[in-house]
PDB file of N, CA and C in Angstrom:
ATOM      1  N   MET A   1       7.588  16.355   6.075  1.00  0.00           N
ATOM      2  CA  MET A   1       8.951  15.857   6.154  1.00  0.00           C
ATOM      3  C   MET A   1       8.935  14.538   6.907  1.00  0.00           C
ATOM      4  N   ILE A   2       9.690  13.583   6.396  1.00  0.00           N
ATOM      5  CA  ILE A   2       9.795  12.285   7.039  1.00  0.00           C
ATOM      6  C   ILE A   2      11.237  11.803   6.911  1.00  0.00           C
ATOM      7  N   ALA A   3      11.698  11.133   7.922  1.00  0.00           N
ATOM      8  CA  ALA A   3      13.046  10.553   7.885  1.00  0.00           C
ATOM      9  C   ALA A   3      12.904   9.063   8.149  1.00  0.00           C
ATOM     10  N   ILE A   4      13.584   8.266   7.357  1.00  0.00           N
ATOM     11  CA  ILE A   4      13.545   6.817   7.560  1.00  0.00           C
ATOM     12  C   ILE A   4      14.957   6.259   7.568  1.00  0.00           C
ATOM     13  N   ARG A   5      15.107   5.151   8.249  1.00  0.00           N
ATOM     14  CA  ARG A   5      16.382   4.441   8.246  1.00  0.00           C
ATOM     15  C   ARG A   5      16.215   3.238   7.319  1.00  0.00           C
ATOM     16  N   LEU A   6      17.156   3.102   6.410  1.00  0.00           N
ATOM     17  CA  LEU A   6      17.118   1.997   5.470  1.00  0.00           C
ATOM     18  C   LEU A   6      18.288   1.066   5.708  1.00  0.00           C
ATOM     19  N   PRO A   7      18.094  -0.217   5.446  1.00  0.00           N
ATOM     20  CA  PRO A   7      19.249  -1.118   5.487  1.00  0.00           C
ATOM     21  C   PRO A   7      20.287  -0.666   4.463  1.00  0.00           C
ATOM     22  N   LYS A   8      21.545  -0.929   4.739  1.00  0.00           N
ATOM     23  CA  LYS A   8      22.648  -0.476   3.877  1.00  0.00           C
ATOM     24  C   LYS A   8      22.437  -0.903   2.423  1.00  0.00           C
ATOM     25  N   GLU A   9      21.990  -2.130   2.217  1.00  0.00           N
ATOM     26  CA  GLU A   9      21.811  -2.647   0.853  1.00  0.00           C
ATOM     27  C   GLU A   9      20.800  -1.801   0.071  1.00  0.00           C
ATOM     28  N   ILE A  10      19.700  -1.457   0.707  1.00  0.00           N
ATOM     29  CA  ILE A  10      18.680  -0.644   0.034  1.00  0.00           C
ATOM     30  C   ILE A  10      19.193   0.770  -0.194  1.00  0.00           C
ATOM     31  N   GLU A  11      19.888   1.302   0.788  1.00  0.00           N
ATOM     32  CA  GLU A  11      20.467   2.641   0.658  1.00  0.00           C
ATOM     33  C   GLU A  11      21.436   2.699  -0.526  1.00  0.00           C
ATOM     34  N   LEU A  12      22.256   1.678  -0.662  1.00  0.00           N
ATOM     35  CA  LEU A  12      23.199   1.624  -1.777  1.00  0.00           C
ATOM     36  C   LEU A  12      22.478   1.534  -3.118  1.00  0.00           C
ATOM     37  N   ARG A  13      21.441   0.696  -3.185  1.00  0.00           N
ATOM     38  CA  ARG A  13      20.670   0.576  -4.422  1.00  0.00           C
ATOM     39  C   ARG A  13      20.001   1.899  -4.770  1.00  0.00           C
ATOM     40  N   LEU A  14      19.443   2.559  -3.768  1.00  0.00           N
ATOM     41  CA  LEU A  14      18.782   3.841  -3.986  1.00  0.00           C
ATOM     42  C   LEU A  14      19.784   4.903  -4.443  1.00  0.00           C
ATOM     43  N   ASN A  15      20.942   4.947  -3.813  1.00  0.00           N
ATOM     44  CA  ASN A  15      21.998   5.875  -4.227  1.00  0.00           C
ATOM     45  C   ASN A  15      22.423   5.628  -5.664  1.00  0.00           C
ATOM     46  N   THR A  16      22.617   4.362  -6.010  1.00  0.00           N
ATOM     47  CA  THR A  16      23.040   4.011  -7.366  1.00  0.00           C
ATOM     48  C   THR A  16      21.991   4.436  -8.389  1.00  0.00           C
ATOM     49  N   LEU A  17      20.742   4.154  -8.097  1.00  0.00           N
ATOM     50  CA  LEU A  17      19.655   4.530  -9.000  1.00  0.00           C
ATOM     51  C   LEU A  17      19.584   6.042  -9.172  1.00  0.00           C
ATOM     52  N   ALA A  18      19.631   6.760  -8.071  1.00  0.00           N
ATOM     53  CA  ALA A  18      19.546   8.223  -8.121  1.00  0.00           C
ATOM     54  C   ALA A  18      20.725   8.816  -8.897  1.00  0.00           C
ATOM     55  N   THR A  19      21.912   8.328  -8.626  1.00  0.00           N
ATOM     56  CA  THR A  19      23.105   8.836  -9.301  1.00  0.00           C
ATOM     57  C   THR A  19      23.061   8.540 -10.799  1.00  0.00           C
ATOM     58  N   SER A  20      22.661   7.327 -11.145  1.00  0.00           N
ATOM     59  CA  SER A  20      22.689   6.945 -12.562  1.00  0.00           C
ATOM     60  C   SER A  20      21.579   7.595 -13.381  1.00  0.00           C
ATOM     61  N   THR A  21      20.528   8.056 -12.735  1.00  0.00           N
ATOM     62  CA  THR A  21      19.410   8.662 -13.473  1.00  0.00           C
ATOM     63  C   THR A  21      19.345  10.180 -13.330  1.00  0.00           C
ATOM     64  N   GLY A  22      20.090  10.719 -12.384  1.00  0.00           N
ATOM     65  CA  GLY A  22      20.058  12.158 -12.167  1.00  0.00           C
ATOM     66  C   GLY A  22      18.851  12.634 -11.374  1.00  0.00           C
ATOM     67  N   ARG A  23      18.129  11.711 -10.797  1.00  0.00           N
ATOM     68  CA  ARG A  23      16.992  12.081  -9.949  1.00  0.00           C
ATOM     69  C   ARG A  23      17.409  11.952  -8.488  1.00  0.00           C
ATOM     70  N   THR A  24      16.566  12.489  -7.601  1.00  0.00           N
ATOM     71  CA  THR A  24      16.900  12.428  -6.174  1.00  0.00           C
ATOM     72  C   THR A  24      16.404  11.126  -5.557  1.00  0.00           C
ATOM     73  N   LYS A  25      17.018  10.783  -4.427  1.00  0.00           N
ATOM     74  CA  LYS A  25      16.539   9.620  -3.676  1.00  0.00           C
ATOM     75  C   LYS A  25      15.106   9.857  -3.233  1.00  0.00           C
ATOM     76  N   SER A  26      14.784  11.083  -2.844  1.00  0.00           N
ATOM     77  CA  SER A  26      13.418  11.413  -2.418  1.00  0.00           C
ATOM     78  C   SER A  26      12.404  11.137  -3.517  1.00  0.00           C
ATOM     79  N   TYR A  27      12.797  11.423  -4.749  1.00  0.00           N
ATOM     80  CA  TYR A  27      11.901  11.162  -5.879  1.00  0.00           C
ATOM     81  C   TYR A  27      11.527   9.677  -5.921  1.00  0.00           C
ATOM     82  N   TYR A  28      12.512   8.802  -5.817  1.00  0.00           N
ATOM     83  CA  TYR A  28      12.247   7.371  -5.917  1.00  0.00           C
ATOM     84  C   TYR A  28      11.505   6.821  -4.705  1.00  0.00           C
ATOM     85  N   VAL A  29      11.790   7.347  -3.535  1.00  0.00           N
ATOM     86  CA  VAL A  29      11.043   6.928  -2.344  1.00  0.00           C
ATOM     87  C   VAL A  29       9.582   7.343  -2.487  1.00  0.00           C
ATOM     88  N   ARG A  30       9.347   8.560  -2.952  1.00  0.00           N
ATOM     89  CA  ARG A  30       7.984   9.052  -3.168  1.00  0.00           C
ATOM     90  C   ARG A  30       7.263   8.189  -4.211  1.00  0.00           C
ATOM     91  N   GLU A  31       7.936   7.870  -5.304  1.00  0.00           N
ATOM     92  CA  GLU A  31       7.339   7.026  -6.348  1.00  0.00           C
ATOM     93  C   GLU A  31       6.964   5.648  -5.813  1.00  0.00           C
ATOM     94  N   ALA A  32       7.846   5.064  -5.012  1.00  0.00           N
ATOM     95  CA  ALA A  32       7.571   3.747  -4.443  1.00  0.00           C
ATOM     96  C   ALA A  32       6.369   3.794  -3.507  1.00  0.00           C
ATOM     97  N   LEU A  33       6.293   4.825  -2.683  1.00  0.00           N
ATOM     98  CA  LEU A  33       5.162   4.964  -1.772  1.00  0.00           C
ATOM     99  C   LEU A  33       3.855   5.134  -2.535  1.00  0.00           C
ATOM    100  N   LEU A  34       3.863   5.989  -3.526  1.00  0.00           N
ATOM    101  CA  LEU A  34       2.643   6.210  -4.308  1.00  0.00           C
ATOM    102  C   LEU A  34       2.185   4.939  -5.007  1.00  0.00           C
ATOM    103  N   LYS A  35       3.133   4.180  -5.496  1.00  0.00           N
ATOM    104  CA  LYS A  35       2.798   2.951  -6.215  1.00  0.00           C
ATOM    105  C   LYS A  35       2.202   1.893  -5.294  1.00  0.00           C
ATOM    106  N   HIS A  36       2.681   1.803  -4.080  1.00  0.00           N
ATOM    107  CA  HIS A  36       2.295   0.706  -3.203  1.00  0.00           C
ATOM    108  C   HIS A  36       1.355   1.089  -2.061  1.00  0.00           C
ATOM    109  N   LEU A  37       1.140   2.352  -1.829  1.00  0.00           N
ATOM    110  CA  LEU A  37       0.338   2.779  -0.685  1.00  0.00           C
ATOM    111  C   LEU A  37      -1.099   2.268  -0.763  1.00  0.00           C
ATOM    112  N   THR A  38      -1.712   2.300  -1.930  1.00  0.00           N
ATOM    113  CA  THR A  38      -3.085   1.816  -2.068  1.00  0.00           C
ATOM    114  C   THR A  38      -3.179   0.336  -1.710  1.00  0.00           C
ATOM    115  N   ASN A  39      -2.220  -0.452  -2.179  1.00  0.00           N
ATOM    116  CA  ASN A  39      -2.227  -1.877  -1.847  1.00  0.00           C
ATOM    117  C   ASN A  39      -2.090  -2.105  -0.345  1.00  0.00           C
ATOM    118  N   ILE A  40      -1.198  -1.373   0.277  1.00  0.00           N
ATOM    119  CA  ILE A  40      -0.992  -1.508   1.719  1.00  0.00           C
ATOM    120  C   ILE A  40      -2.257  -1.101   2.478  1.00  0.00           C
ATOM    121  N   GLU A  41      -2.877   0.001   2.059  1.00  0.00           N
ATOM    122  CA  GLU A  41      -4.122   0.437   2.694  1.00  0.00           C
ATOM    123  C   GLU A  41      -5.197  -0.636   2.564  1.00  0.00           C
ATOM    124  N   ASN A  42      -5.332  -1.209   1.381  1.00  0.00           N
ATOM    125  CA  ASN A  42      -6.349  -2.242   1.164  1.00  0.00           C
ATOM    126  C   ASN A  42      -6.113  -3.462   2.035  1.00  0.00           C
ATOM    127  N   ILE A  43      -4.867  -3.864   2.172  1.00  0.00           N
ATOM    128  CA  ILE A  43      -4.542  -5.017   3.011  1.00  0.00           C
ATOM    129  C   ILE A  43      -4.929  -4.754   4.462  1.00  0.00           C
ATOM    130  N   TYR A  44      -4.561  -3.594   4.990  1.00  0.00           N
ATOM    131  CA  TYR A  44      -4.860  -3.291   6.387  1.00  0.00           C
ATOM    132  C   TYR A  44      -6.353  -3.089   6.624  1.00  0.00           C
ATOM    133  N   MET A  45      -7.042  -2.476   5.673  1.00  0.00           N
ATOM    134  CA  MET A  45      -8.488  -2.283   5.832  1.00  0.00           C
ATOM    135  C   MET A  45      -9.214  -3.626   5.776  1.00  0.00           C
ATOM    136  N   ALA A  46      -8.782  -4.521   4.906  1.00  0.00           N
ATOM    137  CA  ALA A  46      -9.387  -5.856   4.829  1.00  0.00           C
ATOM    138  C   ALA A  46      -9.158  -6.618   6.128  1.00  0.00           C
ATOM    139  N   GLU A  47      -7.955  -6.516   6.669  1.00  0.00           N
ATOM    140  CA  GLU A  47      -7.652  -7.193   7.931  1.00  0.00           C
ATOM    141  C   GLU A  47      -8.489  -6.625   9.070  1.00  0.00           C
ATOM    142  N   LYS A  48      -8.634  -5.303   9.103  1.00  0.00           N
ATOM    143  CA  LYS A  48      -9.455  -4.679  10.146  1.00  0.00           C
ATOM    144  C   LYS A  48     -10.909  -5.131  10.016  1.00  0.00           C
ATOM    145  N   HIS A  49     -11.411  -5.186   8.796  1.00  0.00           N
ATOM    146  CA  HIS A  49     -12.794  -5.629   8.568  1.00  0.00           C
ATOM    147  C   HIS A  49     -12.963  -7.086   8.999  1.00  0.00           C
ATOM    148  N   ARG A  50     -11.966  -7.920   8.694  1.00  0.00           N
ATOM    149  CA  ARG A  50     -12.018  -9.323   9.099  1.00  0.00           C
ATOM    150  C   ARG A  50     -12.073  -9.443  10.617  1.00  0.00           C
ATOM    151  N   GLN A  51     -11.248  -8.670  11.306  1.00  0.00           N
ATOM    152  CA  GLN A  51     -11.245  -8.706  12.771  1.00  0.00           C
ATOM    153  C   GLN A  51     -12.588  -8.237  13.327  1.00  0.00           C
ATOM    154  N   ASN A  52     -13.140  -7.162  12.764  1.00  0.00           N
ATOM    155  CA  ASN A  52     -14.437  -6.662  13.218  1.00  0.00           C
ATOM    156  C   ASN A  52     -15.550  -7.661  12.945  1.00  0.00           C
ATOM    157  N   THR A  53     -15.463  -8.348  11.817  1.00  0.00           N
ATOM    158  CA  THR A  53     -16.468  -9.370  11.491  1.00  0.00           C
ATOM    159  C   THR A  53     -16.398 -10.512  12.488  1.00  0.00           C
ATOM    160  N   ARG A  54     -15.190 -10.968  12.768  1.00  0.00           N
ATOM    161  CA  ARG A  54     -15.027 -12.065  13.737  1.00  0.00           C
ATOM    162  C   ARG A  54     -15.478 -11.652  15.133  1.00  0.00           C
ATOM    163  N   ALA A  55     -15.296 -10.384  15.472  1.00  0.00           N
ATOM    164  CA  ALA A  55     -15.705  -9.886  16.790  1.00  0.00           C
ATOM    165  C   ALA A  55     -17.214  -9.662  16.854  1.00  0.00           C
ATOM    166  N   GLY A  56     -17.876  -9.706  15.694  1.00  0.00           N
ATOM    167  CA  GLY A  56     -19.314  -9.518  15.655  1.00  0.00           C
ATOM    168  C   GLY A  56     -19.754  -8.069  15.591  1.00  0.00           C
ATOM    169  N   SER A  57     -18.829  -7.143  15.412  1.00  0.00           N
ATOM    170  CA  SER A  57     -19.208  -5.729  15.376  1.00  0.00           C
ATOM    171  C   SER A  57     -19.673  -5.280  13.987  1.00  0.00           C
ATOM    172  N   VAL A  58     -19.406  -6.079  12.963  1.00  0.00           N
ATOM    173  CA  VAL A  58     -19.943  -5.815  11.625  1.00  0.00           C
ATOM    174  C   VAL A  58     -20.393  -7.136  11.016  1.00  0.00           C
ATOM    175  N   ARG A  59     -21.326  -7.038  10.075  1.00  0.00           N
ATOM    176  CA  ARG A  59     -21.791  -8.237   9.390  1.00  0.00           C
ATOM    177  C   ARG A  59     -20.874  -8.538   8.219  1.00  0.00           C
ATOM    178  N   PRO A  60     -20.706  -9.811   7.900  1.00  0.00           N
ATOM    179  CA  PRO A  60     -19.872 -10.152   6.750  1.00  0.00           C
ATOM    180  C   PRO A  60     -20.473  -9.612   5.456  1.00  0.00           C
ATOM    181  N   ALA A  61     -19.628  -9.215   4.545  1.00  0.00           N
ATOM    182  CA  ALA A  61     -20.097  -8.744   3.247  1.00  0.00           C
ATOM    183  C   ALA A  61     -20.495  -9.944   2.394  1.00  0.00           C
ATOM    184  N   THR A  62     -21.499  -9.746   1.562  1.00  0.00           N
ATOM    185  CA  THR A  62     -21.894 -10.789   0.628  1.00  0.00           C
ATOM    186  C   THR A  62     -21.557 -10.328  -0.783  1.00  0.00           C
ATOM    187  N   LEU A  63     -21.516 -11.252  -1.697  1.00  0.00           N
ATOM    188  CA  LEU A  63     -21.128 -10.938  -3.058  1.00  0.00           C
ATOM    189  C   LEU A  63     -22.209 -10.174  -3.817  1.00  0.00           C
ATOM    190  N   LYS A  64     -23.469 -10.416  -3.512  1.00  0.00           N
ATOM    191  CA  LYS A  64     -24.567  -9.819  -4.267  1.00  0.00           C
ATOM    192  C   LYS A  64     -24.511  -8.284  -4.326  1.00  0.00           C
ATOM    193  N   PRO A  65     -24.360  -7.558  -3.202  1.00  0.00           N
ATOM    194  CA  PRO A  65     -24.287  -6.101  -3.274  1.00  0.00           C
ATOM    195  C   PRO A  65     -23.055  -5.594  -4.055  1.00  0.00           C
ATOM    196  N   VAL A  66     -21.979  -6.337  -3.966  1.00  0.00           N
ATOM    197  CA  VAL A  66     -20.777  -5.938  -4.687  1.00  0.00           C
ATOM    198  C   VAL A  66     -21.010  -6.051  -6.177  1.00  0.00           C
ATOM    199  N   VAL A  67     -21.597  -7.143  -6.602  1.00  0.00           N
ATOM    200  CA  VAL A  67     -21.902  -7.346  -8.019  1.00  0.00           C
ATOM    201  C   VAL A  67     -22.865  -6.271  -8.498  1.00  0.00           C
ATOM    202  N   LYS A  68     -23.855  -5.949  -7.684  1.00  0.00           N
ATOM    203  CA  LYS A  68     -24.840  -4.939  -8.063  1.00  0.00           C
ATOM    204  C   LYS A  68     -24.166  -3.572  -8.238  1.00  0.00           C
ATOM    205  N   ARG A  69     -23.278  -3.201  -7.305  1.00  0.00           N
ATOM    206  CA  ARG A  69     -22.574  -1.915  -7.395  1.00  0.00           C
ATOM    207  C   ARG A  69     -21.678  -1.861  -8.628  1.00  0.00           C
ATOM    208  N   ARG A  70     -21.041  -2.971  -8.952  1.00  0.00           N
ATOM    209  CA  ARG A  70     -20.112  -3.018 -10.084  1.00  0.00           C
ATOM    210  C   ARG A  70     -20.846  -3.116 -11.424  1.00  0.00           C
ATOM    211  N   GLY A  71     -22.131  -3.511 -11.388  1.00  0.00           N
ATOM    212  CA  GLY A  71     -22.898  -3.624 -12.620  1.00  0.00           C
ATOM    213  C   GLY A  71     -22.515  -4.828 -13.451  1.00  0.00           C
ATOM    214  N   THR A  72     -21.947  -5.860 -12.799  1.00  0.00           N
ATOM    215  CA  THR A  72     -21.582  -7.080 -13.509  1.00  0.00           C
ATOM    216  C   THR A  72     -22.491  -8.211 -13.076  1.00  0.00           C
ATOM    217  N   LYS A  73     -22.514  -9.234 -13.862  1.00  0.00           N
ATOM    218  CA  LYS A  73     -23.375 -10.390 -13.527  1.00  0.00           C
ATOM    219  C   LYS A  73     -22.568 -11.512 -12.937  1.00  0.00           C
TER     220      LYS A  73
END
């Protein structure tokens, strides 16, 4: 269970969408999270890796191992 506070404008849009489609607001919030969560995770993990690289706690990644793993030239 999670509770969030939304700006009035978003709340109104969500209410309108839910009412006009017969689905719940929770359904659309869940759909939005599922759609964007991977992108958000990737952004934060990349930023964390960048910070660790700059701090010297990890070595920078090179393109060669990535290409090898992907099987592309």
